[in-house]
Amino acid sequence: MEVNVAAQEVKKFGVGRGFNDVELGLRLRYEIRRQFAPYIGVFWTRLLGDTVDLARREGSQVDTLAFVVGVVRLRY
């Protein structure tokens, strides 16, 4: 879970004052070997507060659902 907060509004970057967004995510990782671990995941982001108003004026979405796939390669 991640929450972003801004002390001031910055319209140039589409950031409103206060709570900007919340992101919830989940990843599943399987270690094939200790140094090699592929993963899949999903995360949902929702804009909040003044940032929602700025996004709507620009015609942007306020909710986003995304999927991720990757590999973690650790070196020891």
C-alpha atoms as a PDB file:
ATOM      1  CA  MET A   1       0.000   0.000   0.000  1.00  0.00           C
ATOM      2  CA  GLU A   2       1.262   3.468  -0.865  1.00  0.00           C
ATOM      3  CA  VAL A   3      -0.216   6.913  -0.193  1.00  0.00           C
ATOM      4  CA  ASN A   4       1.168  10.159  -1.643  1.00  0.00           C
ATOM      5  CA  VAL A   5       0.621  13.562  -0.025  1.00  0.00           C
ATOM      6  CA  ALA A   6       1.605  17.045  -1.256  1.00  0.00           C
ATOM      7  CA  ALA A   7       2.020  20.219   0.829  1.00  0.00           C
ATOM      8  CA  GLN A   8       1.016  22.476  -2.072  1.00  0.00           C
ATOM      9  CA  GLU A   9      -0.741  22.361  -5.430  1.00  0.00           C
ATOM     10  CA  VAL A  10       1.408  22.122  -8.566  1.00  0.00           C
ATOM     11  CA  LYS A  11      -0.936  22.294 -11.568  1.00  0.00           C
ATOM     12  CA  LYS A  12       1.956  21.878 -14.005  1.00  0.00           C
ATOM     13  CA  PHE A  13       2.418  18.298 -12.741  1.00  0.00           C
ATOM     14  CA  GLY A  14      -1.270  17.590 -12.057  1.00  0.00           C
ATOM     15  CA  VAL A  15      -0.727  17.476  -8.297  1.00  0.00           C
ATOM     16  CA  GLY A  16      -3.304  18.855  -5.876  1.00  0.00           C
ATOM     17  CA  ARG A  17      -2.796  19.887  -2.261  1.00  0.00           C
ATOM     18  CA  GLY A  18      -3.281  17.198   0.396  1.00  0.00           C
ATOM     19  CA  PHE A  19      -3.717  13.476  -0.266  1.00  0.00           C
ATOM     20  CA  ASN A  20      -2.991  12.810  -3.953  1.00  0.00           C
ATOM     21  CA  ASP A  21      -3.473   9.089  -4.478  1.00  0.00           C
ATOM     22  CA  VAL A  22      -3.562   5.664  -2.939  1.00  0.00           C
ATOM     23  CA  GLU A  23      -2.096   2.532  -4.518  1.00  0.00           C
ATOM     24  CA  LEU A  24      -2.857  -1.037  -3.490  1.00  0.00           C
ATOM     25  CA  GLY A  25      -0.909  -3.905  -4.978  1.00  0.00           C
ATOM     26  CA  LEU A  26      -0.086  -7.567  -4.704  1.00  0.00           C
ATOM     27  CA  ARG A  27       2.816  -9.544  -6.163  1.00  0.00           C
ATOM     28  CA  LEU A  28       3.459 -13.256  -6.262  1.00  0.00           C
ATOM     29  CA  ARG A  29       7.096 -14.317  -6.493  1.00  0.00           C
ATOM     30  CA  TYR A  30       8.559 -17.801  -6.837  1.00  0.00           C
ATOM     31  CA  GLU A  31      12.236 -18.432  -6.244  1.00  0.00           C
ATOM     32  CA  ILE A  32      13.392 -21.004  -8.789  1.00  0.00           C
ATOM     33  CA  ARG A  33      16.889 -20.594  -7.390  1.00  0.00           C
ATOM     34  CA  ARG A  34      17.956 -18.163  -4.717  1.00  0.00           C
ATOM     35  CA  GLN A  35      19.323 -15.762  -7.357  1.00  0.00           C
ATOM     36  CA  PHE A  36      16.416 -16.022  -9.842  1.00  0.00           C
ATOM     37  CA  ALA A  37      12.793 -15.263  -8.931  1.00  0.00           C
ATOM     38  CA  PRO A  38      10.096 -14.395 -11.498  1.00  0.00           C
ATOM     39  CA  TYR A  39       6.967 -12.585 -10.296  1.00  0.00           C
ATOM     40  CA  ILE A  40       3.510 -11.478 -11.421  1.00  0.00           C
ATOM     41  CA  GLY A  41       1.370  -8.832  -9.846  1.00  0.00           C
ATOM     42  CA  VAL A  42      -1.527  -6.429 -10.025  1.00  0.00           C
ATOM     43  CA  PHE A  43      -1.986  -2.941  -8.616  1.00  0.00           C
ATOM     44  CA  TRP A  44      -4.816  -0.416  -8.435  1.00  0.00           C
ATOM     45  CA  THR A  45      -4.346   3.346  -8.136  1.00  0.00           C
ATOM     46  CA  ARG A  46      -7.031   5.898  -7.247  1.00  0.00           C
ATOM     47  CA  LEU A  47      -6.511   9.662  -7.315  1.00  0.00           C
ATOM     48  CA  LEU A  48      -7.814  11.616  -4.318  1.00  0.00           C
ATOM     49  CA  GLY A  49      -8.798  15.140  -3.278  1.00  0.00           C
ATOM     50  CA  ASP A  50      -7.779  18.117  -5.409  1.00  0.00           C
ATOM     51  CA  THR A  51      -5.779  15.838  -7.712  1.00  0.00           C
ATOM     52  CA  VAL A  52      -9.046  14.210  -8.877  1.00  0.00           C
ATOM     53  CA  ASP A  53     -10.387  17.626  -9.930  1.00  0.00           C
ATOM     54  CA  LEU A  54      -7.191  18.455 -11.835  1.00  0.00           C
ATOM     55  CA  ALA A  55      -7.214  15.072 -13.612  1.00  0.00           C
ATOM     56  CA  ARG A  56     -10.871  15.372 -14.616  1.00  0.00           C
ATOM     57  CA  ARG A  57     -10.291  18.855 -16.067  1.00  0.00           C
ATOM     58  CA  GLU A  58      -7.498  17.375 -18.187  1.00  0.00           C
ATOM     59  CA  GLY A  59      -9.683  14.434 -19.241  1.00  0.00           C
ATOM     60  CA  SER A  60      -7.521  11.874 -17.411  1.00  0.00           C
ATOM     61  CA  GLN A  61      -8.667   8.764 -15.575  1.00  0.00           C
ATOM     62  CA  VAL A  62      -8.945   8.786 -11.795  1.00  0.00           C
ATOM     63  CA  ASP A  63      -8.722   4.978 -11.391  1.00  0.00           C
ATOM     64  CA  THR A  64      -6.053   2.723 -12.891  1.00  0.00           C
ATOM     65  CA  LEU A  65      -5.672  -1.056 -12.831  1.00  0.00           C
ATOM     66  CA  ALA A  66      -2.380  -2.493 -14.049  1.00  0.00           C
ATOM     67  CA  PHE A  67      -0.606  -5.830 -14.234  1.00  0.00           C
ATOM     68  CA  VAL A  68       3.136  -6.382 -13.848  1.00  0.00           C
ATOM     69  CA  VAL A  69       5.483  -9.227 -14.745  1.00  0.00           C
ATOM     70  CA  GLY A  70       9.190  -9.361 -14.032  1.00  0.00           C
ATOM     71  CA  VAL A  71      12.218 -11.180 -12.737  1.00  0.00           C
ATOM     72  CA  VAL A  72      14.252 -10.476  -9.640  1.00  0.00           C
ATOM     73  CA  ARG A  73      17.897 -11.393 -10.097  1.00  0.00           C
ATOM     74  CA  LEU A  74      19.951 -11.251  -6.926  1.00  0.00           C
ATOM     75  CA  ARG A  75      23.729 -11.374  -6.807  1.00  0.00           C
ATOM     76  CA  TYR A  76      25.523 -12.688  -3.772  1.00  0.00           C
END
